[in-house]
Amino acid sequence: RAMHDQGELFHAITAYERAVELRPNLFQALRALAGLYEQKGFRRKAAEALERAVHSAPDPQTRDAMRQRLLRLL
């Protein structure tokens, strides 16, 4: 089961990375990708995705929430 879950995480990461390639400022994909990277322990990639999410957040409250999440990660 754990191996299966790992495969699903990597599949999800790949799908979100593709979405971000197609639409670099797609906030929902960046936020999800950051969370998946965090789950895998890829802190640098998570921070990069969060930084991009900050810049593409749809409103000030969401932008602040992404900044806080980024600060906790660093």
PDB file of N, CA and C in Angstrom:
ATOM      1  N   ARG A   1       0.835  -1.213   0.000  1.00  0.00           N
ATOM      2  CA  ARG A   1       0.000   0.000   0.000  1.00  0.00           C
ATOM      3  C   ARG A   1       0.870   1.263   0.000  1.00  0.00           C
ATOM      4  N   ALA A   2       1.936   1.276   0.801  1.00  0.00           N
ATOM      5  CA  ALA A   2       2.802   2.457   0.855  1.00  0.00           C
ATOM      6  C   ALA A   2       3.437   2.727  -0.507  1.00  0.00           C
ATOM      7  N   MET A   3       3.867   1.676  -1.185  1.00  0.00           N
ATOM      8  CA  MET A   3       4.463   1.836  -2.512  1.00  0.00           C
ATOM      9  C   MET A   3       3.421   2.406  -3.471  1.00  0.00           C
ATOM     10  N   HIS A   4       2.202   1.923  -3.367  1.00  0.00           N
ATOM     11  CA  HIS A   4       1.114   2.415  -4.215  1.00  0.00           C
ATOM     12  C   HIS A   4       0.876   3.893  -3.953  1.00  0.00           C
ATOM     13  N   ASP A   5       0.844   4.276  -2.675  1.00  0.00           N
ATOM     14  CA  ASP A   5       0.647   5.686  -2.323  1.00  0.00           C
ATOM     15  C   ASP A   5       1.771   6.558  -2.878  1.00  0.00           C
ATOM     16  N   GLN A   6       2.996   6.046  -2.804  1.00  0.00           N
ATOM     17  CA  GLN A   6       4.132   6.798  -3.337  1.00  0.00           C
ATOM     18  C   GLN A   6       3.970   7.014  -4.838  1.00  0.00           C
ATOM     19  N   GLY A   7       3.515   5.978  -5.526  1.00  0.00           N
ATOM     20  CA  GLY A   7       3.288   6.093  -6.962  1.00  0.00           C
ATOM     21  C   GLY A   7       2.231   7.124  -7.285  1.00  0.00           C
ATOM     22  N   GLU A   8       1.181   7.157  -6.485  1.00  0.00           N
ATOM     23  CA  GLU A   8       0.123   8.142  -6.695  1.00  0.00           C
ATOM     24  C   GLU A   8       0.643   9.560  -6.472  1.00  0.00           C
ATOM     25  N   LEU A   9       1.490   9.740  -5.457  1.00  0.00           N
ATOM     26  CA  LEU A   9       2.065  11.068  -5.202  1.00  0.00           C
ATOM     27  C   LEU A   9       2.908  11.532  -6.386  1.00  0.00           C
ATOM     28  N   PHE A  10       3.758  10.644  -6.881  1.00  0.00           N
ATOM     29  CA  PHE A  10       4.601  11.027  -8.008  1.00  0.00           C
ATOM     30  C   PHE A  10       3.769  11.288  -9.259  1.00  0.00           C
ATOM     31  N   HIS A  11       2.704  10.519  -9.453  1.00  0.00           N
ATOM     32  CA  HIS A  11       1.810  10.755 -10.593  1.00  0.00           C
ATOM     33  C   HIS A  11       1.153  12.129 -10.460  1.00  0.00           C
ATOM     34  N   ALA A  12       0.706  12.449  -9.257  1.00  0.00           N
ATOM     35  CA  ALA A  12       0.075  13.753  -9.018  1.00  0.00           C
ATOM     36  C   ALA A  12       1.076  14.885  -9.230  1.00  0.00           C
ATOM     37  N   ILE A  13       2.286  14.712  -8.735  1.00  0.00           N
ATOM     38  CA  ILE A  13       3.324  15.730  -8.927  1.00  0.00           C
ATOM     39  C   ILE A  13       3.560  15.960 -10.416  1.00  0.00           C
ATOM     40  N   THR A  14       3.688  14.875 -11.153  1.00  0.00           N
ATOM     41  CA  THR A  14       3.914  14.987 -12.594  1.00  0.00           C
ATOM     42  C   THR A  14       2.769  15.729 -13.275  1.00  0.00           C
ATOM     43  N   ALA A  15       1.546  15.420 -12.891  1.00  0.00           N
ATOM     44  CA  ALA A  15       0.379  16.066 -13.497  1.00  0.00           C
ATOM     45  C   ALA A  15       0.361  17.566 -13.190  1.00  0.00           C
ATOM     46  N   TYR A  16       0.642  17.927 -11.938  1.00  0.00           N
ATOM     47  CA  TYR A  16       0.654  19.349 -11.584  1.00  0.00           C
ATOM     48  C   TYR A  16       1.829  20.085 -12.227  1.00  0.00           C
ATOM     49  N   GLU A  17       2.981  19.419 -12.322  1.00  0.00           N
ATOM     50  CA  GLU A  17       4.115  20.051 -13.003  1.00  0.00           C
ATOM     51  C   GLU A  17       3.757  20.348 -14.462  1.00  0.00           C
ATOM     52  N   ARG A  18       3.065  19.423 -15.092  1.00  0.00           N
ATOM     53  CA  ARG A  18       2.640  19.625 -16.484  1.00  0.00           C
ATOM     54  C   ARG A  18       1.663  20.804 -16.576  1.00  0.00           C
ATOM     55  N   ALA A  19       0.729  20.863 -15.633  1.00  0.00           N
ATOM     56  CA  ALA A  19      -0.240  21.967 -15.629  1.00  0.00           C
ATOM     57  C   ALA A  19       0.467  23.310 -15.502  1.00  0.00           C
ATOM     58  N   VAL A  20       1.492  23.360 -14.648  1.00  0.00           N
ATOM     59  CA  VAL A  20       2.232  24.608 -14.438  1.00  0.00           C
ATOM     60  C   VAL A  20       3.094  24.944 -15.660  1.00  0.00           C
ATOM     61  N   GLU A  21       3.562  23.918 -16.369  1.00  0.00           N
ATOM     62  CA  GLU A  21       4.282  24.187 -17.616  1.00  0.00           C
ATOM     63  C   GLU A  21       3.363  24.877 -18.616  1.00  0.00           C
ATOM     64  N   LEU A  22       2.122  24.404 -18.675  1.00  0.00           N
ATOM     65  CA  LEU A  22       1.161  24.953 -19.634  1.00  0.00           C
ATOM     66  C   LEU A  22       0.640  26.321 -19.205  1.00  0.00           C
ATOM     67  N   ARG A  23       0.450  26.481 -17.904  1.00  0.00           N
ATOM     68  CA  ARG A  23      -0.068  27.750 -17.355  1.00  0.00           C
ATOM     69  C   ARG A  23       0.770  28.112 -16.133  1.00  0.00           C
ATOM     70  N   PRO A  24       1.883  28.812 -16.329  1.00  0.00           N
ATOM     71  CA  PRO A  24       2.845  29.071 -15.258  1.00  0.00           C
ATOM     72  C   PRO A  24       2.296  29.780 -14.022  1.00  0.00           C
ATOM     73  N   ASN A  25       1.218  30.517 -14.155  1.00  0.00           N
ATOM     74  CA  ASN A  25       0.668  31.239 -13.006  1.00  0.00           C
ATOM     75  C   ASN A  25      -0.627  30.630 -12.494  1.00  0.00           C
ATOM     76  N   LEU A  26      -0.838  29.359 -12.751  1.00  0.00           N
ATOM     77  CA  LEU A  26      -2.060  28.687 -12.303  1.00  0.00           C
ATOM     78  C   LEU A  26      -1.966  28.436 -10.798  1.00  0.00           C
ATOM     79  N   PHE A  27      -2.585  29.310 -10.039  1.00  0.00           N
ATOM     80  CA  PHE A  27      -2.448  29.297  -8.586  1.00  0.00           C
ATOM     81  C   PHE A  27      -2.799  27.945  -7.973  1.00  0.00           C
ATOM     82  N   GLN A  28      -3.927  27.374  -8.358  1.00  0.00           N
ATOM     83  CA  GLN A  28      -4.373  26.119  -7.751  1.00  0.00           C
ATOM     84  C   GLN A  28      -3.335  25.013  -7.934  1.00  0.00           C
ATOM     85  N   ALA A  29      -2.742  24.953  -9.106  1.00  0.00           N
ATOM     86  CA  ALA A  29      -1.730  23.930  -9.371  1.00  0.00           C
ATOM     87  C   ALA A  29      -0.461  24.194  -8.566  1.00  0.00           C
ATOM     88  N   LEU A  30      -0.055  25.450  -8.471  1.00  0.00           N
ATOM     89  CA  LEU A  30       1.143  25.781  -7.694  1.00  0.00           C
ATOM     90  C   LEU A  30       0.959  25.447  -6.220  1.00  0.00           C
ATOM     91  N   ARG A  31      -0.212  25.782  -5.683  1.00  0.00           N
ATOM     92  CA  ARG A  31      -0.490  25.487  -4.272  1.00  0.00           C
ATOM     93  C   ARG A  31      -0.486  23.980  -4.029  1.00  0.00           C
ATOM     94  N   ALA A  32      -1.139  23.237  -4.899  1.00  0.00           N
ATOM     95  CA  ALA A  32      -1.185  21.782  -4.751  1.00  0.00           C
ATOM     96  C   ALA A  32       0.207  21.177  -4.906  1.00  0.00           C
ATOM     97  N   LEU A  33       0.950  21.658  -5.870  1.00  0.00           N
ATOM     98  CA  LEU A  33       2.295  21.152  -6.103  1.00  0.00           C
ATOM     99  C   LEU A  33       3.184  21.397  -4.887  1.00  0.00           C
ATOM    100  N   ALA A  34       3.075  22.559  -4.281  1.00  0.00           N
ATOM    101  CA  ALA A  34       3.856  22.853  -3.075  1.00  0.00           C
ATOM    102  C   ALA A  34       3.531  21.855  -1.972  1.00  0.00           C
ATOM    103  N   GLY A  35       2.258  21.553  -1.791  1.00  0.00           N
ATOM    104  CA  GLY A  35       1.861  20.589  -0.767  1.00  0.00           C
ATOM    105  C   GLY A  35       2.398  19.196  -1.040  1.00  0.00           C
ATOM    106  N   LEU A  36       2.356  18.775  -2.289  1.00  0.00           N
ATOM    107  CA  LEU A  36       2.885  17.456  -2.643  1.00  0.00           C
ATOM    108  C   LEU A  36       4.392  17.402  -2.449  1.00  0.00           C
ATOM    109  N   TYR A  37       5.087  18.459  -2.852  1.00  0.00           N
ATOM    110  CA  TYR A  37       6.534  18.514  -2.628  1.00  0.00           C
ATOM    111  C   TYR A  37       6.847  18.438  -1.137  1.00  0.00           C
ATOM    112  N   GLU A  38       6.068  19.128  -0.323  1.00  0.00           N
ATOM    113  CA  GLU A  38       6.276  19.073   1.130  1.00  0.00           C
ATOM    114  C   GLU A  38       6.105  17.653   1.643  1.00  0.00           C
ATOM    115  N   GLN A  39       5.061  16.971   1.173  1.00  0.00           N
ATOM    116  CA  GLN A  39       4.815  15.588   1.604  1.00  0.00           C
ATOM    117  C   GLN A  39       5.995  14.688   1.273  1.00  0.00           C
ATOM    118  N   LYS A  40       6.633  14.930   0.134  1.00  0.00           N
ATOM    119  CA  LYS A  40       7.769  14.111  -0.282  1.00  0.00           C
ATOM    120  C   LYS A  40       9.081  14.562   0.354  1.00  0.00           C
ATOM    121  N   GLY A  41       9.063  15.694   1.064  1.00  0.00           N
ATOM    122  CA  GLY A  41      10.281  16.186   1.682  1.00  0.00           C
ATOM    123  C   GLY A  41      11.144  17.023   0.755  1.00  0.00           C
ATOM    124  N   PHE A  42      10.586  17.446  -0.373  1.00  0.00           N
ATOM    125  CA  PHE A  42      11.314  18.273  -1.331  1.00  0.00           C
ATOM    126  C   PHE A  42      11.126  19.741  -0.953  1.00  0.00           C
ATOM    127  N   ARG A  43      11.808  20.160   0.086  1.00  0.00           N
ATOM    128  CA  ARG A  43      11.581  21.489   0.655  1.00  0.00           C
ATOM    129  C   ARG A  43      11.925  22.621  -0.321  1.00  0.00           C
ATOM    130  N   ARG A  44      13.023  22.500  -1.030  1.00  0.00           N
ATOM    131  CA  ARG A  44      13.410  23.567  -1.961  1.00  0.00           C
ATOM    132  C   ARG A  44      12.356  23.725  -3.062  1.00  0.00           C
ATOM    133  N   LYS A  45      11.914  22.608  -3.626  1.00  0.00           N
ATOM    134  CA  LYS A  45      10.887  22.673  -4.669  1.00  0.00           C
ATOM    135  C   LYS A  45       9.577  23.214  -4.104  1.00  0.00           C
ATOM    136  N   ALA A  46       9.252  22.820  -2.876  1.00  0.00           N
ATOM    137  CA  ALA A  46       8.031  23.333  -2.241  1.00  0.00           C
ATOM    138  C   ALA A  46       8.126  24.847  -2.074  1.00  0.00           C
ATOM    139  N   ALA A  47       9.282  25.315  -1.628  1.00  0.00           N
ATOM    140  CA  ALA A  47       9.469  26.759  -1.441  1.00  0.00           C
ATOM    141  C   ALA A  47       9.359  27.503  -2.770  1.00  0.00           C
ATOM    142  N   GLU A  48       9.928  26.942  -3.825  1.00  0.00           N
ATOM    143  CA  GLU A  48       9.842  27.584  -5.140  1.00  0.00           C
ATOM    144  C   GLU A  48       8.388  27.665  -5.608  1.00  0.00           C
ATOM    145  N   ALA A  49       7.638  26.582  -5.420  1.00  0.00           N
ATOM    146  CA  ALA A  49       6.226  26.577  -5.826  1.00  0.00           C
ATOM    147  C   ALA A  49       5.427  27.575  -4.991  1.00  0.00           C
ATOM    148  N   LEU A  50       5.714  27.638  -3.692  1.00  0.00           N
ATOM    149  CA  LEU A  50       5.008  28.591  -2.837  1.00  0.00           C
ATOM    150  C   LEU A  50       5.329  30.033  -3.216  1.00  0.00           C
ATOM    151  N   GLU A  51       6.583  30.288  -3.540  1.00  0.00           N
ATOM    152  CA  GLU A  51       6.955  31.644  -3.948  1.00  0.00           C
ATOM    153  C   GLU A  51       6.191  32.049  -5.208  1.00  0.00           C
ATOM    154  N   ARG A  52       6.078  31.133  -6.135  1.00  0.00           N
ATOM    155  CA  ARG A  52       5.307  31.417  -7.352  1.00  0.00           C
ATOM    156  C   ARG A  52       3.824  31.568  -7.026  1.00  0.00           C
ATOM    157  N   ALA A  53       3.332  30.778  -6.076  1.00  0.00           N
ATOM    158  CA  ALA A  53       1.925  30.870  -5.677  1.00  0.00           C
ATOM    159  C   ALA A  53       1.633  32.229  -5.045  1.00  0.00           C
ATOM    160  N   VAL A  54       2.581  32.749  -4.279  1.00  0.00           N
ATOM    161  CA  VAL A  54       2.410  34.081  -3.679  1.00  0.00           C
ATOM    162  C   VAL A  54       2.138  35.103  -4.779  1.00  0.00           C
ATOM    163  N   HIS A  55       2.902  35.023  -5.856  1.00  0.00           N
ATOM    164  CA  HIS A  55       2.782  36.008  -6.937  1.00  0.00           C
ATOM    165  C   HIS A  55       1.543  35.810  -7.801  1.00  0.00           C
ATOM    166  N   SER A  56       0.943  34.626  -7.743  1.00  0.00           N
ATOM    167  CA  SER A  56      -0.241  34.380  -8.576  1.00  0.00           C
ATOM    168  C   SER A  56      -1.515  34.222  -7.744  1.00  0.00           C
ATOM    169  N   ALA A  57      -1.421  34.492  -6.445  1.00  0.00           N
ATOM    170  CA  ALA A  57      -2.594  34.358  -5.567  1.00  0.00           C
ATOM    171  C   ALA A  57      -3.720  35.275  -6.035  1.00  0.00           C
ATOM    172  N   PRO A  58      -4.959  34.801  -5.916  1.00  0.00           N
ATOM    173  CA  PRO A  58      -6.089  35.567  -6.449  1.00  0.00           C
ATOM    174  C   PRO A  58      -6.494  36.784  -5.619  1.00  0.00           C
ATOM    175  N   ASP A  59      -6.039  36.849  -4.356  1.00  0.00           N
ATOM    176  CA  ASP A  59      -6.445  37.971  -3.506  1.00  0.00           C
ATOM    177  C   ASP A  59      -5.416  38.163  -2.390  1.00  0.00           C
ATOM    178  N   PRO A  60      -5.458  39.315  -1.708  1.00  0.00           N
ATOM    179  CA  PRO A  60      -4.466  39.608  -0.663  1.00  0.00           C
ATOM    180  C   PRO A  60      -4.465  38.604   0.491  1.00  0.00           C
ATOM    181  N   GLN A  61      -5.620  38.123   0.894  1.00  0.00           N
ATOM    182  CA  GLN A  61      -5.674  37.175   2.008  1.00  0.00           C
ATOM    183  C   GLN A  61      -4.980  35.865   1.642  1.00  0.00           C
ATOM    184  N   THR A  62      -5.235  35.394   0.447  1.00  0.00           N
ATOM    185  CA  THR A  62      -4.595  34.158  -0.010  1.00  0.00           C
ATOM    186  C   THR A  62      -3.097  34.367  -0.167  1.00  0.00           C
ATOM    187  N   ARG A  63      -2.713  35.518  -0.686  1.00  0.00           N
ATOM    188  CA  ARG A  63      -1.292  35.842  -0.833  1.00  0.00           C
ATOM    189  C   ARG A  63      -0.599  35.821   0.529  1.00  0.00           C
ATOM    190  N   ASP A  64      -1.235  36.415   1.539  1.00  0.00           N
ATOM    191  CA  ASP A  64      -0.665  36.403   2.890  1.00  0.00           C
ATOM    192  C   ASP A  64      -0.563  34.989   3.442  1.00  0.00           C
ATOM    193  N   ALA A  65      -1.579  34.174   3.196  1.00  0.00           N
ATOM    194  CA  ALA A  65      -1.551  32.784   3.667  1.00  0.00           C
ATOM    195  C   ALA A  65      -0.404  32.015   3.014  1.00  0.00           C
ATOM    196  N   MET A  66      -0.171  32.245   1.736  1.00  0.00           N
ATOM    197  CA  MET A  66       0.932  31.572   1.035  1.00  0.00           C
ATOM    198  C   MET A  66       2.276  32.065   1.566  1.00  0.00           C
ATOM    199  N   ARG A  67       2.380  33.352   1.872  1.00  0.00           N
ATOM    200  CA  ARG A  67       3.621  33.884   2.463  1.00  0.00           C
ATOM    201  C   ARG A  67       3.904  33.231   3.815  1.00  0.00           C
ATOM    202  N   GLN A  68       2.866  33.104   4.631  1.00  0.00           N
ATOM    203  CA  GLN A  68       3.032  32.474   5.943  1.00  0.00           C
ATOM    204  C   GLN A  68       3.476  31.021   5.801  1.00  0.00           C
ATOM    205  N   ARG A  69       2.868  30.332   4.864  1.00  0.00           N
ATOM    206  CA  ARG A  69       3.236  28.933   4.618  1.00  0.00           C
ATOM    207  C   ARG A  69       4.691  28.850   4.164  1.00  0.00           C
ATOM    208  N   LEU A  70       5.094  29.766   3.312  1.00  0.00           N
ATOM    209  CA  LEU A  70       6.476  29.801   2.838  1.00  0.00           C
ATOM    210  C   LEU A  70       7.436  30.075   3.991  1.00  0.00           C
ATOM    211  N   LEU A  71       7.105  31.020   4.846  1.00  0.00           N
ATOM    212  CA  LEU A  71       7.968  31.331   5.992  1.00  0.00           C
ATOM    213  C   LEU A  71       8.112  30.141   6.933  1.00  0.00           C
ATOM    214  N   ARG A  72       7.029  29.399   7.143  1.00  0.00           N
ATOM    215  CA  ARG A  72       7.107  28.200   7.996  1.00  0.00           C
ATOM    216  C   ARG A  72       8.014  27.141   7.383  1.00  0.00           C
ATOM    217  N   LEU A  73       8.014  27.078   6.075  1.00  0.00           N
ATOM    218  CA  LEU A  73       8.830  26.084   5.380  1.00  0.00           C
ATOM    219  C   LEU A  73      10.311  26.426   5.454  1.00  0.00           C
ATOM    220  N   LEU A  74      10.615  27.718   5.411  1.00  0.00           N
ATOM    221  CA  LEU A  74      12.018  28.157   5.437  1.00  0.00           C
ATOM    222  C   LEU A  74      12.489  28.151   6.847  1.00  0.00           C
TER     223      LEU A  74
END
